[in-house]
Amino acid sequence: MADGADSHQHEAGNSSTLLSVTIAKELDALITDVQRCLDDLSANEAEVSLHVVYIQEAIMQLKEFADMLPSLQYDSAMRRLVNLRNLLEERESGMNAAPQQQVWMTGNRGAWTLAIDPDLLLELTELRFTDDEIAVFLCCSRSTVQRRRAAYGLEKRRQSNITHEQLCEIVREIRCKAVLGFAWRSARPILSASWPLIASPSHDEFTAYHL
């Protein structure tokens, strides 16, 4: 019985360490990306606003791990995020840029159609904004967002029951993804759903991708 309890505590400790390392890496990458935006004098208001969203999302997600992380790591991370958010909001408020305007162009048949950047639509979709939120950001209707997503072949990601293979694939995505706000959004539900399983031998590949 004692050996079983010791083994369980050892696995729990490994899981806690893995979580700390994973979050620390994602946080450092996010902060580097945000700092790059702050240092870029050519960054427009839309870019700055998106980074405000990234930081706020990271703050909210970090709060969910408050009881799982060492207090020193949590407090330090939270201070860094809040400080960066304040700097971004100060930068944003000083830009006084006009809201994004609609841009129209002629289509293949000569009809006027609303111009929507497919890369921006892809990014907003991957960041898991709702269709209504994307419509507001792009100054168009919800139905336009849905039609353009279908036209560009973009699919909305849905979080469901995660198999081991799916878990490893999503971890690969997180490791390779350039849009770090998406990495944070992806990491939270994955880690939350798999928390009891992270120390399991069947998740060795998952562990390897984080260390």
Protein backbone atom coordinates (compact mmCIF):
# COMPACT_ATOMS: atom_id res chain seq x y z
CA MET A 1 0.00 0.00 0.00
CA ALA A 2 2.81 2.35 0.94
CA ASP A 3 4.62 1.63 -2.32
CA GLY A 4 1.43 2.36 -4.27
CA ALA A 5 0.94 5.67 -2.47
CA ASP A 6 4.58 6.63 -3.06
CA SER A 7 4.26 5.76 -6.73
CA HIS A 8 1.10 7.86 -7.05
CA GLN A 9 2.80 10.82 -5.37
CA HIS A 10 5.82 10.42 -7.66
CA GLU A 11 3.60 10.43 -10.76
CA ALA A 12 1.70 13.47 -9.46
CA GLY A 13 5.00 15.24 -8.91
CA ASN A 14 6.12 14.44 -12.44
CA SER A 15 2.83 15.76 -13.80
CA SER A 16 3.20 18.99 -11.84
CA THR A 17 6.75 19.46 -13.13
CA LEU A 18 5.65 18.77 -16.70
CA LEU A 19 2.85 21.32 -16.40
CA SER A 20 5.24 23.94 -15.00
CA VAL A 21 7.75 23.39 -17.80
CA THR A 22 5.07 23.44 -20.50
CA ILE A 23 3.45 26.65 -19.27
CA ALA A 24 6.82 28.33 -18.74
CA LYS A 25 7.83 27.60 -22.36
CA GLU A 26 4.52 28.81 -23.78
CA LEU A 27 4.62 31.91 -21.59
CA ASP A 28 8.17 32.81 -22.63
CA ALA A 29 7.25 32.40 -26.29
CA LEU A 30 4.13 34.54 -25.89
CA ILE A 31 6.01 37.28 -24.03
CA THR A 32 8.72 37.31 -26.72
CA ASP A 33 6.06 37.73 -29.40
CA VAL A 34 4.30 40.51 -27.51
CA GLN A 35 7.56 42.31 -26.80
CA ARG A 36 8.37 42.14 -30.52
CA CYS A 37 5.04 43.83 -31.22
CA LEU A 38 5.77 46.54 -28.66
CA ASP A 39 9.20 47.17 -30.19
CA ASP A 40 7.80 47.34 -33.73
CA LEU A 41 7.04 50.99 -34.40
CA SER A 42 5.23 50.04 -37.62
CA ALA A 43 2.70 47.78 -35.85
CA ASN A 44 -0.84 48.98 -36.56
CA GLU A 45 -3.76 49.15 -34.16
CA ALA A 46 -5.22 45.83 -35.29
CA GLU A 47 -1.95 44.03 -34.47
CA VAL A 48 -1.69 45.71 -31.08
CA SER A 49 -5.33 44.92 -30.31
CA LEU A 50 -4.85 41.25 -31.18
CA HIS A 51 -1.88 41.07 -28.81
CA VAL A 52 -4.03 42.60 -26.07
CA VAL A 53 -6.44 39.71 -26.68
CA TYR A 54 -3.55 37.22 -26.51
CA ILE A 55 -2.35 38.61 -23.19
CA GLN A 56 -5.81 38.81 -21.64
CA GLU A 57 -6.52 35.24 -22.71
CA ALA A 58 -3.22 34.09 -21.21
CA ILE A 59 -4.05 35.84 -17.92
CA MET A 60 -7.46 34.16 -17.73
CA GLN A 61 -6.00 30.76 -18.56
CA LEU A 62 -3.12 31.12 -16.13
CA LYS A 63 -5.64 31.74 -13.34
CA GLU A 64 -7.09 28.29 -13.99
CA PHE A 65 -3.70 26.74 -13.14
CA ALA A 66 -3.18 28.79 -9.96
CA ASP A 67 -3.55 25.74 -7.69
CA MET A 68 -1.34 23.53 -9.87
CA LEU A 69 1.71 25.78 -10.19
CA PRO A 70 4.34 26.79 -7.61
CA SER A 71 3.26 30.10 -6.10
CA LEU A 72 6.51 31.85 -7.07
CA GLN A 73 6.14 30.80 -10.71
CA TYR A 74 2.48 31.80 -10.80
CA ASP A 75 3.01 35.20 -9.16
CA SER A 76 5.98 36.05 -11.38
CA ALA A 77 4.16 35.01 -14.55
CA MET A 78 1.05 36.96 -13.62
CA ARG A 79 3.05 40.13 -12.91
CA ARG A 80 4.80 39.88 -16.29
CA LEU A 81 1.53 39.38 -18.15
CA VAL A 82 -0.27 42.22 -16.39
CA ASN A 83 2.66 44.57 -17.01
CA LEU A 84 2.71 43.70 -20.72
CA ARG A 85 -1.04 44.14 -20.96
CA ASN A 86 -0.74 47.62 -19.46
CA LEU A 87 1.99 48.52 -21.96
CA LEU A 88 -0.08 47.24 -24.88
CA GLU A 89 -3.20 49.08 -23.75
CA GLU A 90 -1.19 52.28 -23.33
CA ARG A 91 0.20 51.83 -26.85
CA GLU A 92 -3.27 51.09 -28.20
CA SER A 93 -4.89 54.11 -26.57
CA GLY A 94 -2.21 56.39 -27.99
CA MET A 95 -2.65 55.27 -31.57
CA ASN A 96 -6.07 56.86 -32.11
CA ALA A 97 -6.51 54.94 -35.32
CA ALA A 98 -9.82 54.86 -37.12
CA PRO A 99 -11.77 51.58 -36.96
CA GLN A 100 -11.17 49.12 -39.75
CA GLN A 101 -13.17 50.09 -42.83
CA GLN A 102 -14.84 47.86 -45.37
CA VAL A 103 -12.97 47.42 -48.64
CA TRP A 104 -14.86 46.38 -51.76
CA MET A 105 -13.51 44.90 -54.98
CA THR A 106 -14.91 43.51 -58.22
CA GLY A 107 -15.17 39.74 -58.43
CA ASN A 108 -14.58 37.43 -61.39
CA ARG A 109 -17.99 38.27 -62.83
CA GLY A 110 -17.62 42.01 -62.35
CA ALA A 111 -19.88 42.15 -59.28
CA TRP A 112 -18.78 44.08 -56.22
CA THR A 113 -17.76 41.86 -53.30
CA LEU A 114 -16.40 42.56 -49.83
CA ALA A 115 -12.62 42.04 -49.62
CA ILE A 116 -11.65 39.78 -46.72
CA ASP A 117 -8.04 38.75 -46.12
CA PRO A 118 -8.02 34.92 -46.05
CA ASP A 119 -4.92 34.84 -43.82
CA LEU A 120 -6.62 37.08 -41.27
CA LEU A 121 -9.80 34.99 -41.42
CA LEU A 122 -7.71 31.85 -40.88
CA GLU A 123 -5.96 33.40 -37.88
CA LEU A 124 -9.20 34.54 -36.27
CA THR A 125 -10.74 31.12 -36.88
CA GLU A 126 -7.76 29.33 -35.34
CA LEU A 127 -7.89 31.69 -32.37
CA ARG A 128 -11.44 30.34 -31.91
CA PHE A 129 -13.26 33.63 -32.07
CA THR A 130 -16.96 33.12 -32.69
CA ASP A 131 -18.45 33.96 -36.08
CA ASP A 132 -20.18 36.97 -34.52
CA GLU A 133 -16.88 38.27 -33.08
CA ILE A 134 -15.10 37.77 -36.41
CA ALA A 135 -17.93 39.59 -38.20
CA VAL A 136 -17.52 42.61 -35.92
CA PHE A 137 -13.75 42.63 -36.40
CA LEU A 138 -14.03 42.38 -40.20
CA CYS A 139 -16.99 44.78 -40.46
CA CYS A 140 -19.23 42.25 -42.18
CA SER A 141 -22.14 39.93 -41.42
CA ARG A 142 -21.99 36.53 -39.74
CA SER A 143 -23.23 34.89 -42.93
CA THR A 144 -20.40 36.52 -44.90
CA VAL A 145 -17.88 35.04 -42.48
CA GLN A 146 -19.43 31.59 -42.91
CA ARG A 147 -19.53 31.85 -46.72
CA ARG A 148 -15.92 33.02 -46.97
CA ARG A 149 -14.74 30.31 -44.60
CA ALA A 150 -16.45 27.72 -46.80
CA ALA A 151 -15.04 29.33 -49.97
CA TYR A 152 -11.48 29.27 -48.56
CA GLY A 153 -11.91 25.71 -47.27
CA LEU A 154 -11.37 26.70 -43.64
CA GLU A 155 -12.86 24.55 -40.90
CA LYS A 156 -13.67 25.56 -37.34
CA ARG A 157 -11.84 23.51 -34.76
CA ARG A 158 -13.99 21.75 -32.21
CA GLN A 159 -12.73 20.39 -28.90
CA SER A 160 -14.17 16.95 -28.15
CA ASN A 161 -13.01 13.73 -26.52
CA ILE A 162 -9.27 13.63 -27.21
CA THR A 163 -7.57 10.35 -28.09
CA HIS A 164 -3.88 9.81 -27.44
CA GLU A 165 -3.07 10.21 -31.14
CA GLN A 166 -5.09 13.44 -31.37
CA LEU A 167 -3.42 14.73 -28.22
CA CYS A 168 0.05 14.19 -29.68
CA GLU A 169 -0.95 15.79 -32.98
CA ILE A 170 -2.30 18.91 -31.25
CA VAL A 171 0.89 19.14 -29.19
CA ARG A 172 2.87 19.10 -32.45
CA GLU A 173 0.69 21.96 -33.67
CA ILE A 174 1.27 23.96 -30.51
CA ARG A 175 5.02 23.46 -30.77
CA CYS A 176 5.12 24.59 -34.42
CA LYS A 177 2.44 27.29 -34.40
CA ALA A 178 3.66 30.85 -34.94
CA VAL A 179 0.47 32.43 -33.57
CA LEU A 180 1.18 32.06 -29.88
CA GLY A 181 -2.21 33.20 -28.72
CA PHE A 182 -3.60 30.12 -30.43
CA ALA A 183 -1.02 28.00 -28.64
CA TRP A 184 -2.28 29.24 -25.30
CA ARG A 185 -5.91 28.65 -26.27
CA SER A 186 -5.07 25.13 -27.40
CA ALA A 187 -2.86 24.24 -24.46
CA ARG A 188 -5.38 25.03 -21.73
CA PRO A 189 -8.19 22.63 -22.72
CA ILE A 190 -5.67 19.95 -23.66
CA LEU A 191 -3.82 20.11 -20.36
CA SER A 192 -7.03 20.38 -18.36
CA ALA A 193 -8.63 17.39 -20.08
CA SER A 194 -5.52 15.24 -19.87
CA TRP A 195 -4.33 16.26 -16.37
CA PRO A 196 -5.05 12.81 -14.78
CA LEU A 197 -3.39 11.10 -17.76
CA ILE A 198 -0.21 13.10 -18.30
CA ALA A 199 1.88 10.79 -16.09
CA SER A 200 0.45 7.67 -17.73
CA PRO A 201 2.96 5.51 -19.68
CA SER A 202 0.59 5.63 -22.66
CA HIS A 203 1.33 9.35 -22.98
CA ASP A 204 5.12 9.08 -23.30
CA GLU A 205 4.99 10.77 -26.71
CA PHE A 206 2.97 13.64 -25.26
CA THR A 207 5.58 14.06 -22.52
CA ALA A 208 8.46 13.94 -25.00
CA TYR A 209 7.03 16.80 -27.03
CA HIS A 210 7.04 19.06 -23.98
CA LEU A 211 10.52 18.34 -22.57
